[in-house]
Amino acid sequence: MALLITDECINCDVCEPECPNDAISQGDEIYVIDPAKCTECVGHYDEPQCVEVCPVDCIPKDPDNEETEDELRAKYKRLTA
């Protein structure tokens, strides 16, 4: 499942450069994650890098975009092909 950034985001700018899929961008008020590009870092890292660096713990899994590990790996392969 993709991740999402909640309104607790403080716009600290640390998550965006950590995303290997360029799924994070500045939204109207806070950073946002494009679920079509988010693989939770599957294929790149063992843990989602944005979650690792977020100082306010505002990046949970997105319940509206549930995906299995296999689906995330397939998305990674499509994005890096």
C-alpha atoms as a PDB file:
ATOM      1  CA  MET A   1       0.000   0.000   0.000  1.00  0.00           C
ATOM      2  CA  ALA A   2       1.202   3.475  -0.675  1.00  0.00           C
ATOM      3  CA  LEU A   3       1.997   5.917   2.091  1.00  0.00           C
ATOM      4  CA  LEU A   4       0.389   9.276   2.732  1.00  0.00           C
ATOM      5  CA  ILE A   5       1.400  12.429   4.523  1.00  0.00           C
ATOM      6  CA  THR A   6      -1.072  13.689   7.135  1.00  0.00           C
ATOM      7  CA  ASP A   7      -1.884  17.279   8.003  1.00  0.00           C
ATOM      8  CA  GLU A   8       0.559  17.003  10.917  1.00  0.00           C
ATOM      9  CA  CYS A   9       3.297  17.649   8.316  1.00  0.00           C
ATOM     10  CA  ILE A  10       5.475  20.633   9.259  1.00  0.00           C
ATOM     11  CA  ASN A  11       6.932  21.108   5.736  1.00  0.00           C
ATOM     12  CA  CYS A  12      10.457  20.446   6.981  1.00  0.00           C
ATOM     13  CA  ASP A  13      11.576  19.335   3.485  1.00  0.00           C
ATOM     14  CA  VAL A  14      13.449  16.206   4.623  1.00  0.00           C
ATOM     15  CA  CYS A  15      11.192  13.559   3.032  1.00  0.00           C
ATOM     16  CA  GLU A  16      11.127  14.749  -0.581  1.00  0.00           C
ATOM     17  CA  PRO A  17      14.825  14.195  -1.416  1.00  0.00           C
ATOM     18  CA  GLU A  18      14.792  10.778   0.282  1.00  0.00           C
ATOM     19  CA  CYS A  19      12.161   9.284  -2.043  1.00  0.00           C
ATOM     20  CA  PRO A  20      13.852   7.106  -4.681  1.00  0.00           C
ATOM     21  CA  ASN A  21      10.722   7.163  -6.874  1.00  0.00           C
ATOM     22  CA  ASP A  22      10.120  10.935  -6.834  1.00  0.00           C
ATOM     23  CA  ALA A  23       6.674  10.214  -5.376  1.00  0.00           C
ATOM     24  CA  ILE A  24       6.793  13.103  -2.875  1.00  0.00           C
ATOM     25  CA  SER A  25       6.128  16.689  -3.911  1.00  0.00           C
ATOM     26  CA  GLN A  26       5.013  19.940  -2.343  1.00  0.00           C
ATOM     27  CA  GLY A  27       1.214  20.179  -2.299  1.00  0.00           C
ATOM     28  CA  ASP A  28      -0.926  23.257  -1.700  1.00  0.00           C
ATOM     29  CA  GLU A  29      -0.338  23.217   2.065  1.00  0.00           C
ATOM     30  CA  ILE A  30       1.803  20.173   2.885  1.00  0.00           C
ATOM     31  CA  TYR A  31       3.869  17.591   1.071  1.00  0.00           C
ATOM     32  CA  VAL A  32       1.917  14.878  -0.764  1.00  0.00           C
ATOM     33  CA  ILE A  33       2.717  11.366  -1.965  1.00  0.00           C
ATOM     34  CA  ASP A  34       1.658  10.150  -5.409  1.00  0.00           C
ATOM     35  CA  PRO A  35       0.302   6.618  -4.780  1.00  0.00           C
ATOM     36  CA  ALA A  36       1.066   5.663  -8.389  1.00  0.00           C
ATOM     37  CA  LYS A  37       4.782   6.180  -7.690  1.00  0.00           C
ATOM     38  CA  CYS A  38       5.019   5.111  -4.040  1.00  0.00           C
ATOM     39  CA  THR A  39       6.411   1.604  -3.517  1.00  0.00           C
ATOM     40  CA  GLU A  40       7.154   2.108   0.213  1.00  0.00           C
ATOM     41  CA  CYS A  41      10.765   1.878  -1.015  1.00  0.00           C
ATOM     42  CA  VAL A  42      10.305  -1.794  -1.939  1.00  0.00           C
ATOM     43  CA  GLY A  43      13.094  -2.616  -4.374  1.00  0.00           C
ATOM     44  CA  HIS A  44      15.260   0.215  -3.075  1.00  0.00           C
ATOM     45  CA  TYR A  45      15.438  -0.083   0.718  1.00  0.00           C
ATOM     46  CA  ASP A  46      14.215  -2.306   3.550  1.00  0.00           C
ATOM     47  CA  GLU A  47      12.180   0.520   5.102  1.00  0.00           C
ATOM     48  CA  PRO A  48      10.372   3.553   3.642  1.00  0.00           C
ATOM     49  CA  GLN A  49      12.962   6.305   3.731  1.00  0.00           C
ATOM     50  CA  CYS A  50      10.453   9.129   4.190  1.00  0.00           C
ATOM     51  CA  VAL A  51       9.139   7.443   7.345  1.00  0.00           C
ATOM     52  CA  GLU A  52      12.701   6.979   8.614  1.00  0.00           C
ATOM     53  CA  VAL A  53      13.560  10.689   8.336  1.00  0.00           C
ATOM     54  CA  CYS A  54      10.206  12.276   9.277  1.00  0.00           C
ATOM     55  CA  PRO A  55      10.655  14.168  12.564  1.00  0.00           C
ATOM     56  CA  VAL A  56       6.925  14.288  13.363  1.00  0.00           C
ATOM     57  CA  ASP A  57       5.877  10.746  12.393  1.00  0.00           C
ATOM     58  CA  CYS A  58       3.171  11.898   9.977  1.00  0.00           C
ATOM     59  CA  ILE A  59       3.573   9.305   7.189  1.00  0.00           C
ATOM     60  CA  PRO A  60       1.314   6.281   7.760  1.00  0.00           C
ATOM     61  CA  LYS A  61       0.161   3.693   5.256  1.00  0.00           C
ATOM     62  CA  ASP A  62      -2.670   4.922   3.054  1.00  0.00           C
ATOM     63  CA  PRO A  63      -5.738   2.745   3.720  1.00  0.00           C
ATOM     64  CA  ASP A  64      -7.236   3.876   0.399  1.00  0.00           C
ATOM     65  CA  ASN A  65      -4.292   2.429  -1.558  1.00  0.00           C
ATOM     66  CA  GLU A  66      -3.708  -1.076  -0.234  1.00  0.00           C
ATOM     67  CA  GLU A  67      -1.107  -3.151  -2.080  1.00  0.00           C
ATOM     68  CA  THR A  68       0.674  -6.400  -1.327  1.00  0.00           C
ATOM     69  CA  GLU A  69       4.443  -6.773  -1.253  1.00  0.00           C
ATOM     70  CA  ASP A  70       4.244  -8.439  -4.680  1.00  0.00           C
ATOM     71  CA  GLU A  71       2.200  -5.549  -6.084  1.00  0.00           C
ATOM     72  CA  LEU A  72       4.688  -3.031  -4.687  1.00  0.00           C
ATOM     73  CA  ARG A  73       7.586  -4.988  -6.207  1.00  0.00           C
ATOM     74  CA  ALA A  74       5.788  -5.081  -9.592  1.00  0.00           C
ATOM     75  CA  LYS A  75       5.224  -1.312  -9.387  1.00  0.00           C
ATOM     76  CA  TYR A  76       8.923  -0.844  -8.592  1.00  0.00           C
ATOM     77  CA  LYS A  77       9.844  -2.884 -11.684  1.00  0.00           C
ATOM     78  CA  ARG A  78       7.495  -0.797 -13.877  1.00  0.00           C
ATOM     79  CA  LEU A  79       8.870   2.468 -12.519  1.00  0.00           C
ATOM     80  CA  THR A  80      12.506   1.477 -12.969  1.00  0.00           C
ATOM     81  CA  ALA A  81      12.207  -0.313 -16.324  1.00  0.00           C
END
